[in-house]
Amino acid sequence: MPNGNGMSDRRAMYNRNDFKLGLFGANCSSGRAITKVAERWSGNWEDNLALARMSDEAGLDFLLPIGRWKGYGGETNYQDETFETVTWATGLLAATRRITVFATVHAPLLPPVIAAKQFMTADHISQGRFGLNIVCGWNTGEFEMFGVNQRDHEDRYDYGQEWIDAIRMMWEREDTFDFKGKYINLASVRSNPKPYGGSRPLIMNAGASPTGQAFAVKNCDALFCTPTGAETVDQLADGIQHAKKLAIAQGREIDVYSVGVVTCRPTTKEAEEYHRHCIIDDADWSAVDNILAMKDVRPETVGSEEFTRRRKHQAHGMGGIPIVGDPDAVAAEIARIAGVGLRGIGISFVNYLAELPYFRDEVLPRLERMGLREKRI
């Protein structure tokens, strides 16, 4: 269990690992691999629970879910079976001892009074291991399921600002208060209990636009940095430094995280062959094309060459840095990722539960010897 309650303890996720490692996207069927292979991730509760317990015992730092409400079609109906993330996180926090578990929440879809209470419930159940990943929204089709109109890009973050302001007031104020904004109006608000231990949950956001990054820098402890089209560590470096400079200009610090897609096998040849089999030869390309079309990425809008590049990149686990090789190569690439200024990375596998044991036994000890991770006890 956590042995400290301040924000520094929460940001460190209650350990001394210099570089944080977590799992991203396990709450969804197929995870982040847009593949048709039979062994792709189930996403069912039994596998999620087993994965959370294995991750906890292995010393991983966090679990980060995807906020998803319906699938992307294709032959697999990619990510159609998903768990709502606040209840998913609460269940996993109750079944683990050390790991931080985030909920990914679409601010416009969850009223702030309900949200504040749900988050505090999870925070107390876990004694301070709950984290919040705020999403202001982009998927119009999902919003239509709720009867909610998708706002213009700038207005989404204006709403998100009022939403998090109202929640922070509920976390911090002992008195009854009114909240009057452009979008949110609340009367005679009280919310107890307060966050566990006198601090508040870690807050993360994945804004990539200037407006999104400004929102993250103002409100969040961490920016989940996945710049459009970034395929390598070097391409992420400029974005990382830009975000940190924005924070410094506001008298703040912000941690920067990113996402990787791991294929680790005893030899690099085996890893590369499996990666090609899953992500190229047996990809669910119709689902990939559906996702790109939702973002208006088509040959006629971005050009054939750019479309081909983006299509290949999207198939890499919904985008992200491919980390493919034997344990030495994978550990070296993770070390290089840490070296450009990232605080941590959320990784995914084709099948999390089947592939994590080898990563745990072979890659984590190498990272310990490199000084990036503390030795597991």
Protein backbone atom coordinates (compact mmCIF):
# COMPACT_ATOMS: atom_id res chain seq x y z
CA MET A 1 0.00 0.00 0.00
CA PRO A 2 1.13 3.61 -0.45
CA ASN A 3 3.23 4.90 2.43
CA GLY A 4 2.85 8.60 1.64
CA ASN A 5 -0.03 10.84 0.70
CA GLY A 6 1.42 14.02 -0.78
CA MET A 7 1.39 15.01 -4.45
CA SER A 8 5.07 14.16 -4.78
CA ASP A 9 4.25 10.61 -3.66
CA ARG A 10 1.36 10.40 -6.09
CA ARG A 11 3.42 11.71 -9.00
CA ALA A 12 6.14 9.21 -8.17
CA MET A 13 3.47 6.49 -7.96
CA TYR A 14 4.81 5.57 -4.54
CA ASN A 15 8.12 4.17 -5.78
CA ARG A 16 11.62 5.23 -6.78
CA ASN A 17 11.52 4.09 -10.41
CA ASP A 18 13.16 6.85 -12.45
CA PHE A 19 11.26 5.79 -15.55
CA LYS A 20 7.64 4.72 -15.20
CA LEU A 21 6.26 1.73 -17.07
CA GLY A 22 2.59 0.94 -17.44
CA LEU A 23 0.10 -0.86 -19.64
CA PHE A 24 -2.19 1.04 -21.98
CA GLY A 25 -5.52 -0.03 -23.49
CA ALA A 26 -6.24 -3.37 -21.83
CA ASN A 27 -9.88 -2.45 -21.07
CA CYS A 28 -10.79 -2.87 -24.77
CA SER A 29 -11.19 -5.97 -26.91
CA SER A 30 -8.11 -6.35 -29.15
CA GLY A 31 -6.33 -3.83 -26.92
CA ARG A 32 -4.40 -1.53 -29.22
CA ALA A 33 -3.41 -4.10 -31.88
CA ILE A 34 -5.61 -3.74 -34.95
CA THR A 35 -5.11 -7.36 -35.92
CA LYS A 36 -7.17 -10.41 -36.83
CA VAL A 37 -4.86 -12.99 -35.22
CA ALA A 38 -6.74 -15.51 -33.07
CA GLU A 39 -4.64 -14.78 -29.97
CA ARG A 40 -5.45 -11.05 -29.93
CA TRP A 41 -6.45 -9.61 -26.55
CA SER A 42 -9.86 -10.64 -25.25
CA GLY A 43 -10.44 -7.61 -23.07
CA ASN A 44 -12.73 -9.65 -20.80
CA TRP A 45 -12.90 -9.06 -17.05
CA GLU A 46 -11.17 -12.28 -16.01
CA ASP A 47 -8.15 -11.45 -18.18
CA ASN A 48 -8.09 -7.81 -17.03
CA LEU A 49 -8.15 -8.87 -13.39
CA ALA A 50 -5.37 -11.42 -13.88
CA LEU A 51 -3.35 -8.84 -15.81
CA ALA A 52 -3.74 -6.19 -13.11
CA ARG A 53 -2.59 -8.59 -10.40
CA MET A 54 0.35 -9.76 -12.52
CA SER A 55 1.33 -6.14 -13.26
CA ASP A 56 1.08 -5.25 -9.58
CA GLU A 57 3.34 -8.11 -8.53
CA ALA A 58 5.78 -7.38 -11.36
CA GLY A 59 6.22 -3.82 -10.08
CA LEU A 60 4.70 -1.98 -13.04
CA ASP A 61 3.66 1.54 -12.16
CA PHE A 62 0.29 2.15 -13.77
CA LEU A 63 -2.63 0.92 -15.85
CA LEU A 64 -4.16 3.40 -18.29
CA PRO A 65 -7.43 2.59 -20.11
CA ILE A 66 -8.91 3.93 -23.32
CA GLY A 67 -12.21 5.83 -23.13
CA ARG A 68 -14.22 3.98 -25.75
CA TRP A 69 -17.98 3.57 -26.19
CA LYS A 70 -18.31 1.62 -29.45
CA GLY A 71 -16.07 -0.20 -31.89
CA TYR A 72 -14.48 0.82 -35.15
CA GLY A 73 -15.93 -1.92 -37.32
CA GLY A 74 -13.79 -3.97 -39.63
CA GLU A 75 -13.67 -7.75 -39.58
CA THR A 76 -12.97 -7.78 -35.83
CA ASN A 77 -15.24 -4.83 -34.93
CA TYR A 78 -12.13 -3.44 -33.31
CA GLN A 79 -12.52 -2.31 -29.65
CA ASP A 80 -16.27 -2.89 -29.65
CA GLU A 81 -16.26 -4.70 -26.29
CA THR A 82 -14.96 -2.26 -23.68
CA PHE A 83 -15.26 -1.59 -19.98
CA GLU A 84 -16.32 1.81 -18.65
CA THR A 85 -13.14 3.12 -17.11
CA VAL A 86 -14.14 4.51 -13.69
CA THR A 87 -15.77 1.26 -12.58
CA TRP A 88 -12.99 -0.74 -14.30
CA ALA A 89 -10.36 1.20 -12.36
CA THR A 90 -12.25 0.88 -9.08
CA GLY A 91 -12.53 -2.89 -9.42
CA LEU A 92 -8.85 -3.28 -10.25
CA LEU A 93 -7.74 -0.93 -7.46
CA ALA A 94 -9.67 -3.03 -4.94
CA ALA A 95 -7.83 -6.14 -6.18
CA THR A 96 -4.28 -4.70 -6.17
CA ARG A 97 -1.89 -3.25 -3.59
CA ARG A 98 0.62 -0.88 -5.17
CA ILE A 99 -0.13 -0.01 -8.79
CA THR A 100 -1.76 3.29 -9.84
CA VAL A 101 -4.85 2.83 -12.01
CA PHE A 102 -6.27 5.64 -14.14
CA ALA A 103 -9.78 6.22 -15.42
CA THR A 104 -10.06 7.90 -18.83
CA VAL A 105 -13.10 10.19 -18.69
CA HIS A 106 -14.82 12.19 -21.41
CA ALA A 107 -15.55 15.37 -19.48
CA PRO A 108 -18.67 16.36 -21.50
CA LEU A 109 -20.30 12.97 -20.87
CA LEU A 110 -20.03 12.82 -17.06
CA PRO A 111 -21.62 15.53 -14.86
CA PRO A 112 -18.99 16.98 -12.52
CA VAL A 113 -20.86 16.32 -9.25
CA ILE A 114 -21.18 12.63 -10.09
CA ALA A 115 -17.61 12.53 -11.39
CA ALA A 116 -16.12 14.07 -8.23
CA LYS A 117 -17.92 11.53 -6.04
CA GLN A 118 -16.97 8.55 -8.22
CA PHE A 119 -13.33 9.57 -8.30
CA MET A 120 -13.21 9.96 -4.52
CA THR A 121 -14.78 6.55 -4.03
CA ALA A 122 -12.05 4.95 -6.13
CA ASP A 123 -9.39 7.05 -4.39
CA HIS A 124 -10.44 5.91 -0.92
CA ILE A 125 -10.82 2.27 -1.94
CA SER A 126 -7.23 2.35 -3.19
CA GLN A 127 -5.77 4.63 -0.49
CA GLY A 128 -4.61 7.19 -3.01
CA ARG A 129 -3.75 5.15 -6.12
CA PHE A 130 -6.49 6.47 -8.41
CA GLY A 131 -5.52 8.64 -11.40
CA LEU A 132 -7.64 10.70 -13.79
CA ASN A 133 -7.03 11.00 -17.54
CA ILE A 134 -9.23 13.81 -18.88
CA VAL A 135 -10.53 13.59 -22.44
CA CYS A 136 -12.33 16.56 -23.98
CA GLY A 137 -13.54 14.53 -26.97
CA TRP A 138 -13.13 14.02 -30.69
CA ASN A 139 -15.31 11.05 -31.73
CA THR A 140 -18.58 12.59 -32.88
CA GLY A 141 -20.26 9.21 -33.36
CA GLU A 142 -19.73 8.33 -29.71
CA PHE A 143 -21.08 11.68 -28.51
CA GLU A 144 -24.22 11.15 -30.60
CA MET A 145 -24.90 7.98 -28.57
CA PHE A 146 -25.35 10.25 -25.54
CA GLY A 147 -27.35 12.91 -27.32
CA VAL A 148 -24.47 15.32 -26.71
CA ASN A 149 -23.32 17.72 -29.42
CA GLN A 150 -19.61 17.78 -30.09
CA ARG A 151 -18.34 21.32 -29.52
CA ASP A 152 -15.83 23.14 -31.69
CA HIS A 153 -12.23 22.35 -30.79
CA GLU A 154 -11.55 25.47 -28.71
CA ASP A 155 -14.90 25.26 -26.93
CA ARG A 156 -14.20 21.65 -25.90
CA TYR A 157 -11.29 22.82 -23.78
CA ASP A 158 -13.24 25.79 -22.41
CA TYR A 159 -15.85 23.29 -21.20
CA GLY A 160 -13.11 21.00 -19.88
CA GLN A 161 -11.66 23.89 -17.89
CA GLU A 162 -14.99 24.57 -16.17
CA TRP A 163 -15.44 20.85 -15.54
CA ILE A 164 -12.10 20.36 -13.81
CA ASP A 165 -12.45 23.69 -11.95
CA ALA A 166 -15.77 22.53 -10.51
CA ILE A 167 -14.33 19.15 -9.52
CA ARG A 168 -11.25 20.72 -7.90
CA MET A 169 -13.55 22.97 -5.87
CA MET A 170 -15.47 19.91 -4.68
CA TRP A 171 -12.20 18.25 -3.71
CA GLU A 172 -10.86 21.30 -1.87
CA ARG A 173 -13.70 23.33 -0.35
CA GLU A 174 -15.37 22.48 2.94
CA ASP A 175 -18.19 24.99 2.56
CA THR A 176 -21.27 24.88 0.36
CA PHE A 177 -20.75 26.84 -2.85
CA ASP A 178 -22.33 27.79 -6.18
CA PHE A 179 -20.49 27.40 -9.46
CA LYS A 180 -21.48 29.67 -12.35
CA GLY A 181 -19.78 29.30 -15.71
CA LYS A 182 -20.52 29.60 -19.39
CA TYR A 183 -21.34 25.89 -19.65
CA ILE A 184 -21.71 24.58 -16.09
CA ASN A 185 -23.98 26.03 -13.42
CA LEU A 186 -24.23 24.29 -10.05
CA ALA A 187 -26.09 25.40 -6.94
CA SER A 188 -25.45 24.68 -3.24
CA VAL A 189 -22.72 22.14 -3.95
CA ARG A 190 -21.16 19.95 -1.26
CA SER A 191 -18.98 16.91 -1.83
CA ASN A 192 -17.47 14.68 0.84
CA PRO A 193 -15.24 12.85 1.48
CA LYS A 194 -12.28 14.73 0.13
CA PRO A 195 -9.44 12.97 -1.70
CA TYR A 196 -7.55 10.38 0.29
CA GLY A 197 -4.72 11.61 2.49
CA GLY A 198 -5.15 15.33 1.90
CA SER A 199 -3.80 15.52 -1.66
CA ARG A 200 -5.63 14.78 -4.93
CA PRO A 201 -5.48 12.22 -7.73
CA LEU A 202 -2.89 12.43 -10.45
CA ILE A 203 -4.34 14.20 -13.48
CA MET A 204 -3.29 13.45 -17.06
CA ASN A 205 -4.36 14.73 -20.47
CA ALA A 206 -3.34 13.82 -24.02
CA GLY A 207 -3.90 17.14 -25.78
CA ALA A 208 -1.74 17.46 -28.91
CA SER A 209 -2.95 20.80 -30.28
CA PRO A 210 -1.65 24.10 -28.86
CA THR A 211 -4.97 24.53 -27.01
CA GLY A 212 -4.83 20.96 -25.68
CA GLN A 213 -1.27 21.32 -24.48
CA ALA A 214 -2.07 24.65 -22.81
CA PHE A 215 -4.95 22.92 -20.99
CA ALA A 216 -2.66 20.11 -19.84
CA VAL A 217 0.07 22.45 -18.68
CA LYS A 218 -2.40 24.52 -16.64
CA ASN A 219 -4.34 21.68 -15.03
CA CYS A 220 -2.43 18.41 -15.15
CA ASP A 221 0.52 16.62 -13.62
CA ALA A 222 1.27 14.73 -16.81
CA LEU A 223 0.88 15.17 -20.55
CA PHE A 224 0.38 12.00 -22.56
CA CYS A 225 2.33 13.04 -25.63
CA THR A 226 1.41 11.29 -28.89
CA PRO A 227 2.07 13.86 -31.64
CA THR A 228 0.30 13.08 -34.91
CA GLY A 229 2.52 11.03 -37.15
CA ALA A 230 5.36 10.57 -34.64
CA GLU A 231 6.82 7.15 -35.25
CA THR A 232 10.19 7.33 -33.53
CA VAL A 233 11.67 8.50 -30.27
CA ASP A 234 13.52 11.32 -32.00
CA GLN A 235 10.28 12.68 -33.45
CA LEU A 236 8.83 12.91 -29.94
CA ALA A 237 11.78 14.80 -28.45
CA ASP A 238 10.80 18.27 -29.70
CA GLY A 239 7.23 17.86 -28.44
CA ILE A 240 8.47 16.80 -25.01
CA GLN A 241 10.74 19.81 -24.62
CA HIS A 242 8.05 22.17 -25.92
CA ALA A 243 5.58 20.95 -23.30
CA LYS A 244 8.12 21.31 -20.51
CA LYS A 245 8.97 24.86 -21.60
CA LEU A 246 5.27 25.76 -21.61
CA ALA A 247 5.00 24.53 -18.04
CA ILE A 248 8.09 26.41 -16.88
CA ALA A 249 6.65 29.60 -18.38
CA GLN A 250 3.65 29.15 -16.08
CA GLY A 251 5.78 28.36 -13.03
CA ARG A 252 4.85 24.68 -13.16
CA GLU A 253 6.43 21.34 -13.88
CA ILE A 254 4.80 18.66 -15.98
CA ASP A 255 5.75 15.05 -16.56
CA VAL A 256 5.52 13.79 -20.13
CA TYR A 257 4.49 10.24 -21.01
CA SER A 258 4.10 8.49 -24.34
CA VAL A 259 3.00 5.17 -25.80
CA GLY A 260 4.88 2.17 -27.16
CA VAL A 261 3.91 -1.09 -28.83
CA VAL A 262 6.14 -3.97 -27.67
CA THR A 263 6.94 -7.19 -29.49
CA CYS A 264 9.65 -9.01 -27.55
CA ARG A 265 10.91 -12.50 -28.41
CA PRO A 266 14.12 -14.48 -27.69
CA THR A 267 15.61 -13.30 -31.00
CA THR A 268 15.11 -10.15 -33.00
CA LYS A 269 14.27 -12.26 -36.06
CA GLU A 270 11.40 -13.94 -34.18
CA ALA A 271 10.13 -10.58 -32.91
CA GLU A 272 10.22 -8.96 -36.34
CA GLU A 273 8.48 -11.93 -37.96
CA TYR A 274 5.69 -11.94 -35.37
CA HIS A 275 5.28 -8.17 -35.58
CA ARG A 276 4.92 -8.34 -39.36
CA HIS A 277 2.51 -11.27 -39.11
CA CYS A 278 0.19 -9.43 -36.70
CA ILE A 279 0.48 -5.82 -37.72
CA ILE A 280 0.98 -6.06 -41.48
CA ASP A 281 0.03 -9.44 -42.93
CA ASP A 282 -2.98 -10.07 -40.68
CA ALA A 283 -3.98 -6.51 -39.80
CA ASP A 284 -7.65 -5.58 -39.81
CA TRP A 285 -7.12 -3.01 -42.54
CA SER A 286 -10.80 -2.20 -42.89
CA ALA A 287 -10.85 -1.11 -39.23
CA VAL A 288 -7.68 0.94 -39.79
CA ASP A 289 -9.34 2.70 -42.73
CA ASN A 290 -12.48 3.38 -40.68
CA ILE A 291 -10.42 5.04 -37.95
CA LEU A 292 -8.51 7.19 -40.42
CA ALA A 293 -11.74 8.20 -42.20
CA MET A 294 -13.17 9.43 -38.89
CA LYS A 295 -10.15 11.76 -38.71
CA ASP A 296 -10.65 12.77 -42.35
CA VAL A 297 -7.38 11.11 -43.31
CA ARG A 298 -7.90 9.91 -46.88
CA PRO A 299 -5.78 9.91 -50.05
CA GLU A 300 -7.77 12.85 -51.37
CA THR A 301 -7.29 14.93 -48.18
CA VAL A 302 -3.64 14.23 -47.31
CA GLY A 303 -2.22 12.75 -50.55
CA SER A 304 -1.49 9.13 -51.41
CA GLU A 305 2.03 9.03 -49.96
CA GLU A 306 1.04 10.56 -46.63
CA PHE A 307 -2.06 8.37 -46.46
CA THR A 308 0.04 5.23 -46.93
CA ARG A 309 2.44 6.36 -44.20
CA ARG A 310 -0.35 7.24 -41.79
CA ARG A 311 -2.15 3.96 -42.54
CA LYS A 312 0.93 1.92 -41.67
CA HIS A 313 1.54 3.98 -38.53
CA GLN A 314 -2.09 3.63 -37.39
CA ALA A 315 -1.84 -0.15 -37.60
CA HIS A 316 0.98 -0.07 -35.04
CA GLY A 317 -1.38 -0.39 -32.11
CA MET A 318 -3.43 2.75 -32.91
CA GLY A 319 -0.15 4.57 -33.39
CA GLY A 320 2.81 4.67 -31.06
CA ILE A 321 6.48 3.82 -31.05
CA PRO A 322 7.10 0.24 -32.22
CA ILE A 323 9.55 -1.48 -29.86
CA VAL A 324 10.48 -4.73 -31.57
CA GLY A 325 13.35 -7.09 -30.81
CA ASP A 326 15.02 -9.42 -28.34
CA PRO A 327 15.19 -8.45 -24.64
CA ASP A 328 18.46 -6.54 -25.08
CA ALA A 329 17.10 -4.54 -28.01
CA VAL A 330 13.79 -3.80 -26.27
CA ALA A 331 15.53 -2.68 -23.06
CA ALA A 332 17.92 -0.49 -25.06
CA GLU A 333 15.05 1.17 -26.93
CA ILE A 334 13.17 1.85 -23.69
CA ALA A 335 16.35 3.39 -22.27
CA ARG A 336 16.59 5.61 -25.35
CA ILE A 337 12.98 6.65 -24.83
CA ALA A 338 13.77 7.61 -21.25
CA GLY A 339 16.80 9.57 -22.44
CA VAL A 340 14.84 12.12 -24.49
CA GLY A 341 12.99 13.41 -21.45
CA LEU A 342 9.96 11.18 -21.09
CA ARG A 343 8.89 10.38 -17.53
CA GLY A 344 7.29 7.12 -18.59
CA ILE A 345 5.58 5.08 -21.25
CA GLY A 346 2.36 3.11 -21.53
CA ILE A 347 3.02 -0.04 -23.52
CA SER A 348 0.74 -2.53 -25.20
CA PHE A 349 1.07 -6.09 -26.48
CA VAL A 350 -0.95 -8.15 -28.93
CA ASN A 351 -1.91 -10.30 -25.93
CA TYR A 352 -1.00 -8.62 -22.65
CA LEU A 353 -1.44 -11.61 -20.38
CA ALA A 354 0.53 -13.99 -22.61
CA GLU A 355 3.41 -11.60 -23.34
CA LEU A 356 3.89 -9.74 -20.04
CA PRO A 357 5.61 -12.67 -18.23
CA TYR A 358 8.49 -12.75 -20.73
CA PHE A 359 8.79 -8.94 -20.60
CA ARG A 360 8.75 -9.11 -16.79
CA ASP A 361 11.39 -11.84 -16.58
CA GLU A 362 13.73 -10.62 -19.32
CA VAL A 363 13.32 -6.90 -19.92
CA LEU A 364 12.62 -5.53 -16.44
CA PRO A 365 15.85 -6.96 -14.93
CA ARG A 366 17.82 -5.31 -17.73
CA LEU A 367 16.17 -1.97 -16.97
CA GLU A 368 17.04 -2.46 -13.31
CA ARG A 369 20.69 -2.99 -14.22
CA MET A 370 20.56 0.19 -16.32
CA GLY A 371 19.36 2.12 -13.26
CA LEU A 372 15.97 3.01 -14.74
CA ARG A 373 14.01 0.77 -12.38
CA GLU A 374 14.45 -0.13 -8.74
CA LYS A 375 14.99 -3.80 -8.01
CA ARG A 376 11.79 -5.65 -7.21
CA ILE A 377 11.47 -7.03 -3.69
